[in-house]
C-alpha atoms as a PDB file:
ATOM      1  CA  UNK A   1     116.425  23.845 103.962  1.00  0.00           C
ATOM      2  CA  UNK A   2     113.281  25.835 104.784  1.00  0.00           C
ATOM      3  CA  UNK A   3     112.405  23.526 107.670  1.00  0.00           C
ATOM      4  CA  UNK A   4     113.185  20.163 109.051  1.00  0.00           C
ATOM      5  CA  UNK A   5     109.723  18.699 109.951  1.00  0.00           C
ATOM      6  CA  UNK A   6     108.491  15.201 109.684  1.00  0.00           C
ATOM      7  CA  UNK A   7     104.799  14.508 109.718  1.00  0.00           C
ATOM      8  CA  UNK A   8     105.342  11.373 111.964  1.00  0.00           C
ATOM      9  CA  UNK A   9     108.196   9.833 113.974  1.00  0.00           C
ATOM     10  CA  UNK A  10     108.765   7.013 111.456  1.00  0.00           C
ATOM     11  CA  UNK A  11     112.350   6.215 110.541  1.00  0.00           C
ATOM     12  CA  UNK A  12     111.195   5.170 107.065  1.00  0.00           C
ATOM     13  CA  UNK A  13     109.910   8.672 106.410  1.00  0.00           C
ATOM     14  CA  UNK A  14     113.290  10.092 107.371  1.00  0.00           C
ATOM     15  CA  UNK A  15     115.061   7.592 105.102  1.00  0.00           C
ATOM     16  CA  UNK A  16     112.740   8.655 102.328  1.00  0.00           C
ATOM     17  CA  UNK A  17     113.723  12.264 102.930  1.00  0.00           C
ATOM     18  CA  UNK A  18     117.413  11.244 102.770  1.00  0.00           C
ATOM     19  CA  UNK A  19     116.830   9.503  99.447  1.00  0.00           C
ATOM     20  CA  UNK A  20     114.838  12.498  98.040  1.00  0.00           C
ATOM     21  CA  UNK A  21     117.659  14.936  98.896  1.00  0.00           C
ATOM     22  CA  UNK A  22     120.564  12.577  98.198  1.00  0.00           C
ATOM     23  CA  UNK A  23     121.871  13.016 101.764  1.00  0.00           C
ATOM     24  CA  UNK A  24     122.601   9.345 101.941  1.00  0.00           C
ATOM     25  CA  UNK A  25     123.941   8.706 105.499  1.00  0.00           C
ATOM     26  CA  UNK A  26     123.494   4.926 105.015  1.00  0.00           C
ATOM     27  CA  UNK A  27     125.167   4.525 101.625  1.00  0.00           C
ATOM     28  CA  UNK A  28     125.851   0.853 100.720  1.00  0.00           C
ATOM     29  CA  UNK A  29     128.778   1.772  98.514  1.00  0.00           C
ATOM     30  CA  UNK A  30     130.737   3.402 101.331  1.00  0.00           C
ATOM     31  CA  UNK A  31     132.215   1.591 104.364  1.00  0.00           C
ATOM     32  CA  UNK A  32     130.339   3.730 106.913  1.00  0.00           C
ATOM     33  CA  UNK A  33     128.232   6.065 104.854  1.00  0.00           C
ATOM     34  CA  UNK A  34     128.074   9.784 105.673  1.00  0.00           C
ATOM     35  CA  UNK A  35     127.349  11.160 109.050  1.00  0.00           C
ATOM     36  CA  UNK A  36     124.600  13.796 109.052  1.00  0.00           C
ATOM     37  CA  UNK A  37     123.728  16.497 111.552  1.00  0.00           C
ATOM     38  CA  UNK A  38     120.397  18.143 111.511  1.00  0.00           C
ATOM     39  CA  UNK A  39     120.809  21.729 112.999  1.00  0.00           C
ATOM     40  CA  UNK A  40     117.556  23.367 113.709  1.00  0.00           C
ATOM     41  CA  UNK A  41     116.106  26.312 115.716  1.00  0.00           C
ATOM     42  CA  UNK A  42     114.023  24.117 117.975  1.00  0.00           C
ATOM     43  CA  UNK A  43     113.904  20.362 118.637  1.00  0.00           C
ATOM     44  CA  UNK A  44     111.394  18.500 116.505  1.00  0.00           C
ATOM     45  CA  UNK A  45     110.014  15.551 118.402  1.00  0.00           C
ATOM     46  CA  UNK A  46     109.187  13.552 115.272  1.00  0.00           C
ATOM     47  CA  UNK A  47     112.683  14.075 113.830  1.00  0.00           C
ATOM     48  CA  UNK A  48     114.314  13.096 117.190  1.00  0.00           C
ATOM     49  CA  UNK A  49     112.278   9.914 117.370  1.00  0.00           C
ATOM     50  CA  UNK A  50     112.775   9.023 113.677  1.00  0.00           C
ATOM     51  CA  UNK A  51     116.581   9.310 113.867  1.00  0.00           C
ATOM     52  CA  UNK A  52     117.084   7.531 117.225  1.00  0.00           C
ATOM     53  CA  UNK A  53     117.813   4.158 115.402  1.00  0.00           C
ATOM     54  CA  UNK A  54     120.208   5.707 112.964  1.00  0.00           C
ATOM     55  CA  UNK A  55     123.800   5.711 114.340  1.00  0.00           C
ATOM     56  CA  UNK A  56     125.283   8.285 112.020  1.00  0.00           C
ATOM     57  CA  UNK A  57     122.415  10.788 112.158  1.00  0.00           C
ATOM     58  CA  UNK A  58     122.180  13.395 114.885  1.00  0.00           C
ATOM     59  CA  UNK A  59     120.096  16.500 115.599  1.00  0.00           C
ATOM     60  CA  UNK A  60     120.890  19.532 117.647  1.00  0.00           C
ATOM     61  CA  UNK A  61     119.583  23.089 118.095  1.00  0.00           C
ATOM     62  CA  UNK A  62     121.620  26.137 117.435  1.00  0.00           C
ATOM     63  CA  UNK A  63     121.180  27.088 121.065  1.00  0.00           C
ATOM     64  CA  UNK A  64     122.708  23.790 122.133  1.00  0.00           C
ATOM     65  CA  UNK A  65     125.694  24.255 119.898  1.00  0.00           C
ATOM     66  CA  UNK A  66     126.098  27.827 120.938  1.00  0.00           C
ATOM     67  CA  UNK A  67     125.711  27.203 124.765  1.00  0.00           C
ATOM     68  CA  UNK A  68     128.316  24.489 124.684  1.00  0.00           C
ATOM     69  CA  UNK A  69     130.638  26.220 122.185  1.00  0.00           C
ATOM     70  CA  UNK A  70     130.452  22.876 120.470  1.00  0.00           C
ATOM     71  CA  UNK A  71     132.019  23.459 117.075  1.00  0.00           C
ATOM     72  CA  UNK A  72     133.142  19.760 116.898  1.00  0.00           C
ATOM     73  CA  UNK A  73     129.550  18.601 116.466  1.00  0.00           C
ATOM     74  CA  UNK A  74     129.422  20.747 113.277  1.00  0.00           C
ATOM     75  CA  UNK A  75     132.824  19.937 111.767  1.00  0.00           C
ATOM     76  CA  UNK A  76     132.602  16.277 112.958  1.00  0.00           C
ATOM     77  CA  UNK A  77     129.856  15.386 110.429  1.00  0.00           C
ATOM     78  CA  UNK A  78     130.297  15.054 106.698  1.00  0.00           C
ATOM     79  CA  UNK A  79     126.956  16.753 106.060  1.00  0.00           C
ATOM     80  CA  UNK A  80     125.052  19.373 108.009  1.00  0.00           C
ATOM     81  CA  UNK A  81     121.493  20.250 107.153  1.00  0.00           C
ATOM     82  CA  UNK A  82     120.428  23.519 108.572  1.00  0.00           C
ATOM     83  CA  UNK A  83     116.970  24.876 108.564  1.00  0.00           C
ATOM     84  CA  UNK A  84     116.159  28.575 107.875  1.00  0.00           C
ATOM     85  CA  UNK A  85     115.052  29.214 111.498  1.00  0.00           C
ATOM     86  CA  UNK A  86     118.498  27.872 112.709  1.00  0.00           C
ATOM     87  CA  UNK A  87     120.337  30.220 110.338  1.00  0.00           C
ATOM     88  CA  UNK A  88     118.336  33.230 111.656  1.00  0.00           C
ATOM     89  CA  UNK A  89     118.862  32.194 115.254  1.00  0.00           C
ATOM     90  CA  UNK A  90     122.676  31.730 114.656  1.00  0.00           C
ATOM     91  CA  UNK A  91     122.863  35.140 113.056  1.00  0.00           C
ATOM     92  CA  UNK A  92     120.992  36.692 116.021  1.00  0.00           C
ATOM     93  CA  UNK A  93     123.251  34.897 118.605  1.00  0.00           C
ATOM     94  CA  UNK A  94     126.465  35.967 116.749  1.00  0.00           C
ATOM     95  CA  UNK A  95     125.345  39.516 116.338  1.00  0.00           C
ATOM     96  CA  UNK A  96     124.941  40.152 120.106  1.00  0.00           C
ATOM     97  CA  UNK A  97     128.307  40.666 121.715  1.00  0.00           C
ATOM     98  CA  UNK A  98     126.785  40.298 125.148  1.00  0.00           C
ATOM     99  CA  UNK A  99     126.061  36.595 124.522  1.00  0.00           C
ATOM    100  CA  UNK A 100     129.610  35.684 123.475  1.00  0.00           C
ATOM    101  CA  UNK A 101     131.862  34.080 126.027  1.00  0.00           C
ATOM    102  CA  UNK A 102     133.732  36.638 128.181  1.00  0.00           C
ATOM    103  CA  UNK A 103     137.166  35.617 126.743  1.00  0.00           C
ATOM    104  CA  UNK A 104     135.938  36.079 123.199  1.00  0.00           C
ATOM    105  CA  UNK A 105     134.563  39.536 124.055  1.00  0.00           C
ATOM    106  CA  UNK A 106     137.951  40.564 125.409  1.00  0.00           C
ATOM    107  CA  UNK A 107     139.825  39.171 122.327  1.00  0.00           C
ATOM    108  CA  UNK A 108     137.513  41.059 120.093  1.00  0.00           C
ATOM    109  CA  UNK A 109     138.211  44.337 121.878  1.00  0.00           C
ATOM    110  CA  UNK A 110     141.993  43.615 121.846  1.00  0.00           C
ATOM    111  CA  UNK A 111     141.851  42.845 118.113  1.00  0.00           C
ATOM    112  CA  UNK A 112     139.927  46.093 117.435  1.00  0.00           C
ATOM    113  CA  UNK A 113     142.567  48.026 119.463  1.00  0.00           C
ATOM    114  CA  UNK A 114     145.346  46.488 117.472  1.00  0.00           C
ATOM    115  CA  UNK A 115     143.652  47.429 114.178  1.00  0.00           C
ATOM    116  CA  UNK A 116     143.210  51.037 115.297  1.00  0.00           C
ATOM    117  CA  UNK A 117     146.798  51.664 116.295  1.00  0.00           C
END
């Protein structure tokens, strides 16, 4: 999505957004509904407050995911909603080899060496 911003911290507004986009984390026809992760560039206070009462809805920033190498939080949700700023930040973080964990830098060098000869 372009952005994940709520005008106020009301859970009802967030539920309306779910309905509008058919994200449906609280589906009645499913045993548990879908879990949903909002992945954004920066924390949005209104979104954080609106989702605090929803057990299967979570929000993280790209930096939080990247700093913790926390892939589980992405693959552990049925739906991930990413804002455009988060996509750009993720591209920036992944483009810079100096920010990758040391072991990953070494494995990338080793892989390149294997490809060359």
